[in-house]
Amino acid sequence: MDQSVISGVGNIYRAELLFRHRIHPTTAGQQVSIRKLQCLWSDAVALLADGKRRGVVITTDEGQFREPPSGWTKLAERASNDEADS
């Protein structure tokens, strides 16, 4: 992200915001619609305010903590087994 366009957000927020809004990091700012930029800005304001309130960087929704993504535990189990074999 071109720091002359937006700066001070930090890499964690920058990467997460681009991911959440499905914007590839190499996309030129002028190729992003005004509507998408407004949504990105609103999301950044909300995430940063939440981080300030909590005193910690959290970029996921609380609902995502209840259940791991499907297949995640199988991958974790396989990784543990693979590590045990080496």
PDB file of N, CA and C in Angstrom:
ATOM      1  N   MET A   1       0.851  -1.174   0.000  1.00  0.00           N
ATOM      2  CA  MET A   1       0.000   0.000   0.000  1.00  0.00           C
ATOM      3  C   MET A   1       0.894   1.234   0.000  1.00  0.00           C
ATOM      4  N   ASP A   2       0.604   2.137  -0.894  1.00  0.00           N
ATOM      5  CA  ASP A   2       1.385   3.371  -1.023  1.00  0.00           C
ATOM      6  C   ASP A   2       1.204   4.226   0.225  1.00  0.00           C
ATOM      7  N   GLN A   3       2.279   4.431   0.987  1.00  0.00           N
ATOM      8  CA  GLN A   3       2.213   5.176   2.241  1.00  0.00           C
ATOM      9  C   GLN A   3       1.883   6.650   2.038  1.00  0.00           C
ATOM     10  N   SER A   4       2.004   7.154   0.807  1.00  0.00           N
ATOM     11  CA  SER A   4       1.612   8.544   0.566  1.00  0.00           C
ATOM     12  C   SER A   4       0.098   8.673   0.470  1.00  0.00           C
ATOM     13  N   VAL A   5      -0.599   7.558   0.311  1.00  0.00           N
ATOM     14  CA  VAL A   5      -2.060   7.568   0.235  1.00  0.00           C
ATOM     15  C   VAL A   5      -2.654   7.411   1.627  1.00  0.00           C
ATOM     16  N   ILE A   6      -2.180   6.416   2.375  1.00  0.00           N
ATOM     17  CA  ILE A   6      -2.642   6.181   3.743  1.00  0.00           C
ATOM     18  C   ILE A   6      -1.476   5.616   4.528  1.00  0.00           C
ATOM     19  N   SER A   7      -1.268   6.123   5.713  1.00  0.00           N
ATOM     20  CA  SER A   7      -0.160   5.624   6.524  1.00  0.00           C
ATOM     21  C   SER A   7      -0.556   5.628   7.989  1.00  0.00           C
ATOM     22  N   GLY A   8       0.218   4.905   8.781  1.00  0.00           N
ATOM     23  CA  GLY A   8      -0.011   4.884  10.213  1.00  0.00           C
ATOM     24  C   GLY A   8      -0.964   3.811  10.682  1.00  0.00           C
ATOM     25  N   VAL A   9      -1.535   3.053   9.764  1.00  0.00           N
ATOM     26  CA  VAL A   9      -2.484   2.011  10.147  1.00  0.00           C
ATOM     27  C   VAL A   9      -1.749   0.804  10.710  1.00  0.00           C
ATOM     28  N   GLY A  10      -0.570   0.523  10.221  1.00  0.00           N
ATOM     29  CA  GLY A  10       0.201  -0.633  10.666  1.00  0.00           C
ATOM     30  C   GLY A  10      -0.038  -1.829   9.764  1.00  0.00           C
ATOM     31  N   ASN A  11       0.941  -2.707   9.703  1.00  0.00           N
ATOM     32  CA  ASN A  11       0.866  -3.840   8.781  1.00  0.00           C
ATOM     33  C   ASN A  11      -0.253  -4.821   9.095  1.00  0.00           C
ATOM     34  N   ILE A  12      -0.525  -5.062  10.364  1.00  0.00           N
ATOM     35  CA  ILE A  12      -1.579  -6.029  10.702  1.00  0.00           C
ATOM     36  C   ILE A  12      -2.922  -5.519  10.201  1.00  0.00           C
ATOM     37  N   TYR A  13      -3.249  -4.280  10.552  1.00  0.00           N
ATOM     38  CA  TYR A  13      -4.522  -3.715  10.102  1.00  0.00           C
ATOM     39  C   TYR A  13      -4.552  -3.572   8.579  1.00  0.00           C
ATOM     40  N   ARG A  14      -3.466  -3.107   7.995  1.00  0.00           N
ATOM     41  CA  ARG A  14      -3.415  -2.922   6.539  1.00  0.00           C
ATOM     42  C   ARG A  14      -3.710  -4.231   5.823  1.00  0.00           C
ATOM     43  N   ALA A  15      -2.997  -5.277   6.199  1.00  0.00           N
ATOM     44  CA  ALA A  15      -3.177  -6.573   5.545  1.00  0.00           C
ATOM     45  C   ALA A  15      -4.588  -7.109   5.764  1.00  0.00           C
ATOM     46  N   GLU A  16      -5.080  -6.998   6.977  1.00  0.00           N
ATOM     47  CA  GLU A  16      -6.410  -7.520   7.283  1.00  0.00           C
ATOM     48  C   GLU A  16      -7.495  -6.735   6.552  1.00  0.00           C
ATOM     49  N   LEU A  17      -7.360  -5.419   6.506  1.00  0.00           N
ATOM     50  CA  LEU A  17      -8.357  -4.603   5.808  1.00  0.00           C
ATOM     51  C   LEU A  17      -8.391  -4.933   4.322  1.00  0.00           C
ATOM     52  N   LEU A  18      -7.227  -5.065   3.708  1.00  0.00           N
ATOM     53  CA  LEU A  18      -7.197  -5.421   2.293  1.00  0.00           C
ATOM     54  C   LEU A  18      -7.830  -6.788   2.076  1.00  0.00           C
ATOM     55  N   PHE A  19      -7.533  -7.749   2.941  1.00  0.00           N
ATOM     56  CA  PHE A  19      -8.118  -9.086   2.828  1.00  0.00           C
ATOM     57  C   PHE A  19      -9.634  -9.033   3.000  1.00  0.00           C
ATOM     58  N   ARG A  20     -10.090  -8.341   4.037  1.00  0.00           N
ATOM     59  CA  ARG A  20     -11.527  -8.269   4.317  1.00  0.00           C
ATOM     60  C   ARG A  20     -12.312  -7.650   3.173  1.00  0.00           C
ATOM     61  N   HIS A  21     -11.666  -6.760   2.440  1.00  0.00           N
ATOM     62  CA  HIS A  21     -12.351  -6.087   1.340  1.00  0.00           C
ATOM     63  C   HIS A  21     -11.944  -6.630  -0.023  1.00  0.00           C
ATOM     64  N   ARG A  22     -11.219  -7.752   0.006  1.00  0.00           N
ATOM     65  CA  ARG A  22     -10.817  -8.472  -1.208  1.00  0.00           C
ATOM     66  C   ARG A  22     -10.095  -7.570  -2.200  1.00  0.00           C
ATOM     67  N   ILE A  23      -9.131  -6.795  -1.674  1.00  0.00           N
ATOM     68  CA  ILE A  23      -8.304  -5.926  -2.504  1.00  0.00           C
ATOM     69  C   ILE A  23      -6.886  -6.483  -2.477  1.00  0.00           C
ATOM     70  N   HIS A  24      -6.362  -6.835  -3.636  1.00  0.00           N
ATOM     71  CA  HIS A  24      -4.997  -7.357  -3.710  1.00  0.00           C
ATOM     72  C   HIS A  24      -4.029  -6.237  -3.316  1.00  0.00           C
ATOM     73  N   PRO A  25      -3.005  -6.543  -2.530  1.00  0.00           N
ATOM     74  CA  PRO A  25      -2.084  -5.500  -2.051  1.00  0.00           C
ATOM     75  C   PRO A  25      -1.377  -4.700  -3.138  1.00  0.00           C
ATOM     76  N   THR A  26      -1.250  -5.247  -4.330  1.00  0.00           N
ATOM     77  CA  THR A  26      -0.569  -4.509  -5.395  1.00  0.00           C
ATOM     78  C   THR A  26      -1.522  -3.677  -6.248  1.00  0.00           C
ATOM     79  N   THR A  27      -2.801  -3.691  -5.916  1.00  0.00           N
ATOM     80  CA  THR A  27      -3.785  -2.916  -6.674  1.00  0.00           C
ATOM     81  C   THR A  27      -3.532  -1.424  -6.473  1.00  0.00           C
ATOM     82  N   ALA A  28      -3.483  -0.696  -7.565  1.00  0.00           N
ATOM     83  CA  ALA A  28      -3.313   0.758  -7.476  1.00  0.00           C
ATOM     84  C   ALA A  28      -4.568   1.371  -6.857  1.00  0.00           C
ATOM     85  N   GLY A  29      -4.369   2.349  -5.993  1.00  0.00           N
ATOM     86  CA  GLY A  29      -5.496   2.991  -5.317  1.00  0.00           C
ATOM     87  C   GLY A  29      -6.526   3.545  -6.279  1.00  0.00           C
ATOM     88  N   GLN A  30      -6.081   4.056  -7.438  1.00  0.00           N
ATOM     89  CA  GLN A  30      -7.005   4.639  -8.401  1.00  0.00           C
ATOM     90  C   GLN A  30      -7.869   3.586  -9.092  1.00  0.00           C
ATOM     91  N   GLN A  31      -7.540   2.297  -8.889  1.00  0.00           N
ATOM     92  CA  GLN A  31      -8.352   1.223  -9.467  1.00  0.00           C
ATOM     93  C   GLN A  31      -9.436   0.751  -8.500  1.00  0.00           C
ATOM     94  N   VAL A  32      -9.453   1.275  -7.292  1.00  0.00           N
ATOM     95  CA  VAL A  32     -10.448   0.883  -6.290  1.00  0.00           C
ATOM     96  C   VAL A  32     -11.585   1.895  -6.331  1.00  0.00           C
ATOM     97  N   SER A  33     -12.816   1.401  -6.373  1.00  0.00           N
ATOM     98  CA  SER A  33     -13.970   2.291  -6.482  1.00  0.00           C
ATOM     99  C   SER A  33     -14.121   3.151  -5.227  1.00  0.00           C
ATOM    100  N   ILE A  34     -14.765   4.285  -5.388  1.00  0.00           N
ATOM    101  CA  ILE A  34     -15.038   5.184  -4.266  1.00  0.00           C
ATOM    102  C   ILE A  34     -15.862   4.452  -3.214  1.00  0.00           C
ATOM    103  N   ARG A  35     -16.842   3.689  -3.649  1.00  0.00           N
ATOM    104  CA  ARG A  35     -17.691   2.939  -2.703  1.00  0.00           C
ATOM    105  C   ARG A  35     -16.859   1.968  -1.868  1.00  0.00           C
ATOM    106  N   LYS A  36     -15.955   1.234  -2.536  1.00  0.00           N
ATOM    107  CA  LYS A  36     -15.111   0.272  -1.824  1.00  0.00           C
ATOM    108  C   LYS A  36     -14.162   0.997  -0.873  1.00  0.00           C
ATOM    109  N   LEU A  37     -13.629   2.138  -1.293  1.00  0.00           N
ATOM    110  CA  LEU A  37     -12.750   2.918  -0.419  1.00  0.00           C
ATOM    111  C   LEU A  37     -13.496   3.431   0.811  1.00  0.00           C
ATOM    112  N   GLN A  38     -14.749   3.852   0.625  1.00  0.00           N
ATOM    113  CA  GLN A  38     -15.548   4.307   1.751  1.00  0.00           C
ATOM    114  C   GLN A  38     -15.805   3.167   2.737  1.00  0.00           C
ATOM    115  N   CYS A  39     -16.098   1.984   2.211  1.00  0.00           N
ATOM    116  CA  CYS A  39     -16.298   0.806   3.075  1.00  0.00           C
ATOM    117  C   CYS A  39     -14.999   0.446   3.798  1.00  0.00           C
ATOM    118  N   LEU A  40     -13.886   0.492   3.089  1.00  0.00           N
ATOM    119  CA  LEU A  40     -12.579   0.207   3.675  1.00  0.00           C
ATOM    120  C   LEU A  40     -12.277   1.197   4.801  1.00  0.00           C
ATOM    121  N   TRP A  41     -12.538   2.469   4.562  1.00  0.00           N
ATOM    122  CA  TRP A  41     -12.290   3.512   5.559  1.00  0.00           C
ATOM    123  C   TRP A  41     -13.161   3.289   6.797  1.00  0.00           C
ATOM    124  N   SER A  42     -14.445   3.028   6.598  1.00  0.00           N
ATOM    125  CA  SER A  42     -15.352   2.790   7.723  1.00  0.00           C
ATOM    126  C   SER A  42     -14.911   1.585   8.547  1.00  0.00           C
ATOM    127  N   ASP A  43     -14.490   0.541   7.854  1.00  0.00           N
ATOM    128  CA  ASP A  43     -14.013  -0.663   8.535  1.00  0.00           C
ATOM    129  C   ASP A  43     -12.739  -0.363   9.322  1.00  0.00           C
ATOM    130  N   ALA A  44     -11.833   0.423   8.742  1.00  0.00           N
ATOM    131  CA  ALA A  44     -10.589   0.788   9.432  1.00  0.00           C
ATOM    132  C   ALA A  44     -10.893   1.578  10.700  1.00  0.00           C
ATOM    133  N   VAL A  45     -11.806   2.528  10.602  1.00  0.00           N
ATOM    134  CA  VAL A  45     -12.190   3.327  11.772  1.00  0.00           C
ATOM    135  C   VAL A  45     -12.744   2.418  12.865  1.00  0.00           C
ATOM    136  N   ALA A  46     -13.611   1.482  12.495  1.00  0.00           N
ATOM    137  CA  ALA A  46     -14.211   0.572  13.477  1.00  0.00           C
ATOM    138  C   ALA A  46     -13.157  -0.345  14.108  1.00  0.00           C
ATOM    139  N   LEU A  47     -12.276  -0.928  13.273  1.00  0.00           N
ATOM    140  CA  LEU A  47     -11.244  -1.830  13.797  1.00  0.00           C
ATOM    141  C   LEU A  47     -10.281  -1.097  14.732  1.00  0.00           C
ATOM    142  N   LEU A  48      -9.862   0.097  14.330  1.00  0.00           N
ATOM    143  CA  LEU A  48      -8.924   0.856  15.155  1.00  0.00           C
ATOM    144  C   LEU A  48      -9.566   1.296  16.466  1.00  0.00           C
ATOM    145  N   ALA A  49     -10.828   1.703  16.420  1.00  0.00           N
ATOM    146  CA  ALA A  49     -11.535   2.099  17.644  1.00  0.00           C
ATOM    147  C   ALA A  49     -11.689   0.903  18.580  1.00  0.00           C
ATOM    148  N   ASP A  50     -11.989  -0.258  18.002  1.00  0.00           N
ATOM    149  CA  ASP A  50     -12.124  -1.471  18.807  1.00  0.00           C
ATOM    150  C   ASP A  50     -10.787  -1.847  19.435  1.00  0.00           C
ATOM    151  N   GLY A  51      -9.712  -1.741  18.667  1.00  0.00           N
ATOM    152  CA  GLY A  51      -8.378  -2.031  19.196  1.00  0.00           C
ATOM    153  C   GLY A  51      -7.993  -1.084  20.322  1.00  0.00           C
ATOM    154  N   LYS A  52      -8.348   0.176  20.171  1.00  0.00           N
ATOM    155  CA  LYS A  52      -8.051   1.150  21.230  1.00  0.00           C
ATOM    156  C   LYS A  52      -8.864   0.831  22.488  1.00  0.00           C
ATOM    157  N   ARG A  53     -10.142   0.519  22.293  1.00  0.00           N
ATOM    158  CA  ARG A  53     -11.014   0.214  23.436  1.00  0.00           C
ATOM    159  C   ARG A  53     -10.536  -1.036  24.183  1.00  0.00           C
ATOM    160  N   ARG A  54     -10.160  -2.080  23.435  1.00  0.00           N
ATOM    161  CA  ARG A  54      -9.733  -3.339  24.052  1.00  0.00           C
ATOM    162  C   ARG A  54      -8.278  -3.314  24.502  1.00  0.00           C
ATOM    163  N   GLY A  55      -7.487  -2.432  23.893  1.00  0.00           N
ATOM    164  CA  GLY A  55      -6.067  -2.378  24.213  1.00  0.00           C
ATOM    165  C   GLY A  55      -5.272  -3.484  23.552  1.00  0.00           C
ATOM    166  N   VAL A  56      -5.821  -4.051  22.486  1.00  0.00           N
ATOM    167  CA  VAL A  56      -5.157  -5.141  21.778  1.00  0.00           C
ATOM    168  C   VAL A  56      -5.651  -5.154  20.328  1.00  0.00           C
ATOM    169  N   VAL A  57      -4.800  -5.604  19.416  1.00  0.00           N
ATOM    170  CA  VAL A  57      -5.182  -5.703  18.011  1.00  0.00           C
ATOM    171  C   VAL A  57      -5.963  -6.989  17.807  1.00  0.00           C
ATOM    172  N   ILE A  58      -7.234  -6.860  17.439  1.00  0.00           N
ATOM    173  CA  ILE A  58      -8.074  -8.011  17.093  1.00  0.00           C
ATOM    174  C   ILE A  58      -8.747  -7.667  15.775  1.00  0.00           C
ATOM    175  N   THR A  59      -8.541  -8.494  14.775  1.00  0.00           N
ATOM    176  CA  THR A  59      -9.093  -8.196  13.457  1.00  0.00           C
ATOM    177  C   THR A  59     -10.135  -9.217  13.013  1.00  0.00           C
ATOM    178  N   THR A  60     -10.571 -10.067  13.925  1.00  0.00           N
ATOM    179  CA  THR A  60     -11.595 -11.056  13.597  1.00  0.00           C
ATOM    180  C   THR A  60     -12.839 -10.775  14.426  1.00  0.00           C
ATOM    181  N   ASP A  61     -13.953 -11.281  13.956  1.00  0.00           N
ATOM    182  CA  ASP A  61     -15.200 -11.137  14.693  1.00  0.00           C
ATOM    183  C   ASP A  61     -15.278 -12.196  15.787  1.00  0.00           C
ATOM    184  N   GLU A  62     -15.941 -11.858  16.892  1.00  0.00           N
ATOM    185  CA  GLU A  62     -16.038 -12.809  18.006  1.00  0.00           C
ATOM    186  C   GLU A  62     -16.672 -14.125  17.586  1.00  0.00           C
ATOM    187  N   GLY A  63     -17.619 -14.094  16.656  1.00  0.00           N
ATOM    188  CA  GLY A  63     -18.270 -15.313  16.185  1.00  0.00           C
ATOM    189  C   GLY A  63     -17.300 -16.295  15.550  1.00  0.00           C
ATOM    190  N   GLN A  64     -16.191 -15.796  15.049  1.00  0.00           N
ATOM    191  CA  GLN A  64     -15.208 -16.665  14.412  1.00  0.00           C
ATOM    192  C   GLN A  64     -14.415 -17.468  15.435  1.00  0.00           C
ATOM    193  N   PHE A  65     -14.462 -17.098  16.702  1.00  0.00           N
ATOM    194  CA  PHE A  65     -13.706 -17.808  17.726  1.00  0.00           C
ATOM    195  C   PHE A  65     -14.444 -19.046  18.223  1.00  0.00           C
ATOM    196  N   ARG A  66     -15.743 -19.116  18.029  1.00  0.00           N
ATOM    197  CA  ARG A  66     -16.539 -20.224  18.573  1.00  0.00           C
ATOM    198  C   ARG A  66     -16.252 -21.542  17.858  1.00  0.00           C
ATOM    199  N   GLU A  67     -16.149 -21.490  16.553  1.00  0.00           N
ATOM    200  CA  GLU A  67     -15.943 -22.695  15.759  1.00  0.00           C
ATOM    201  C   GLU A  67     -14.740 -22.501  14.843  1.00  0.00           C
ATOM    202  N   PRO A  68     -13.791 -23.431  14.849  1.00  0.00           N
ATOM    203  CA  PRO A  68     -12.688 -23.307  13.885  1.00  0.00           C
ATOM    204  C   PRO A  68     -13.217 -23.561  12.474  1.00  0.00           C
ATOM    205  N   PRO A  69     -12.556 -23.040  11.457  1.00  0.00           N
ATOM    206  CA  PRO A  69     -12.987 -23.293  10.079  1.00  0.00           C
ATOM    207  C   PRO A  69     -13.017 -24.791   9.807  1.00  0.00           C
ATOM    208  N   SER A  70     -13.938 -25.220   8.951  1.00  0.00           N
ATOM    209  CA  SER A  70     -14.036 -26.648   8.654  1.00  0.00           C
ATOM    210  C   SER A  70     -12.706 -27.151   8.111  1.00  0.00           C
ATOM    211  N   GLY A  71     -12.293 -28.293   8.574  1.00  0.00           N
ATOM    212  CA  GLY A  71     -11.035 -28.878   8.149  1.00  0.00           C
ATOM    213  C   GLY A  71      -9.829 -28.411   8.942  1.00  0.00           C
ATOM    214  N   TRP A  72      -9.992 -27.357   9.723  1.00  0.00           N
ATOM    215  CA  TRP A  72      -8.854 -26.809  10.472  1.00  0.00           C
ATOM    216  C   TRP A  72      -8.304 -27.822  11.457  1.00  0.00           C
ATOM    217  N   THR A  73      -9.173 -28.492  12.206  1.00  0.00           N
ATOM    218  CA  THR A  73      -8.687 -29.450  13.206  1.00  0.00           C
ATOM    219  C   THR A  73      -8.006 -30.631  12.530  1.00  0.00           C
ATOM    220  N   LYS A  74      -8.503 -31.049  11.377  1.00  0.00           N
ATOM    221  CA  LYS A  74      -7.851 -32.159  10.671  1.00  0.00           C
ATOM    222  C   LYS A  74      -6.444 -31.756  10.236  1.00  0.00           C
ATOM    223  N   LEU A  75      -6.292 -30.522   9.772  1.00  0.00           N
ATOM    224  CA  LEU A  75      -4.957 -30.044   9.391  1.00  0.00           C
ATOM    225  C   LEU A  75      -4.048 -29.970  10.607  1.00  0.00           C
ATOM    226  N   ALA A  76      -4.583 -29.505  11.718  1.00  0.00           N
ATOM    227  CA  ALA A  76      -3.791 -29.400  12.942  1.00  0.00           C
ATOM    228  C   ALA A  76      -3.377 -30.789  13.422  1.00  0.00           C
ATOM    229  N   GLU A  77      -4.301 -31.750  13.356  1.00  0.00           N
ATOM    230  CA  GLU A  77      -3.974 -33.119  13.776  1.00  0.00           C
ATOM    231  C   GLU A  77      -2.901 -33.707  12.868  1.00  0.00           C
ATOM    232  N   ARG A  78      -3.037 -33.485  11.569  1.00  0.00           N
ATOM    233  CA  ARG A  78      -2.057 -34.019  10.626  1.00  0.00           C
ATOM    234  C   ARG A  78      -0.690 -33.399  10.869  1.00  0.00           C
ATOM    235  N   ALA A  79      -0.653 -32.090  11.141  1.00  0.00           N
ATOM    236  CA  ALA A  79       0.616 -31.432  11.415  1.00  0.00           C
ATOM    237  C   ALA A  79       1.279 -32.036  12.660  1.00  0.00           C
ATOM    238  N   SER A  80       0.482 -32.294  13.687  1.00  0.00           N
ATOM    239  CA  SER A  80       1.033 -32.896  14.907  1.00  0.00           C
ATOM    240  C   SER A  80       1.598 -34.273  14.610  1.00  0.00           C
ATOM    241  N   ASN A  81       0.872 -35.083  13.829  1.00  0.00           N
ATOM    242  CA  ASN A  81       1.340 -36.411  13.486  1.00  0.00           C
ATOM    243  C   ASN A  81       2.600 -36.345  12.624  1.00  0.00           C
ATOM    244  N   ASP A  82       2.621 -35.421  11.666  1.00  0.00           N
ATOM    245  CA  ASP A  82       3.801 -35.266  10.806  1.00  0.00           C
ATOM    246  C   ASP A  82       5.017 -34.866  11.624  1.00  0.00           C
ATOM    247  N   GLU A  83       4.810 -33.971  12.596  1.00  0.00           N
ATOM    248  CA  GLU A  83       5.913 -33.528  13.447  1.00  0.00           C
ATOM    249  C   GLU A  83       6.425 -34.677  14.307  1.00  0.00           C
ATOM    250  N   ALA A  84       5.521 -35.540  14.759  1.00  0.00           N
ATOM    251  CA  ALA A  84       5.915 -36.670  15.593  1.00  0.00           C
ATOM    252  C   ALA A  84       6.764 -37.671  14.800  1.00  0.00           C
ATOM    253  N   ASP A  85       6.474 -37.761  13.490  1.00  0.00           N
ATOM    254  CA  ASP A  85       7.220 -38.703  12.647  1.00  0.00           C
ATOM    255  C   ASP A  85       8.624 -38.232  12.334  1.00  0.00           C
ATOM    256  N   SER A  86       8.881 -36.946  12.453  1.00  0.00           N
ATOM    257  CA  SER A  86      10.212 -36.455  12.062  1.00  0.00           C
ATOM    258  C   SER A  86      11.177 -36.395  13.205  1.00  0.00           C
TER     259      SER A  86
END
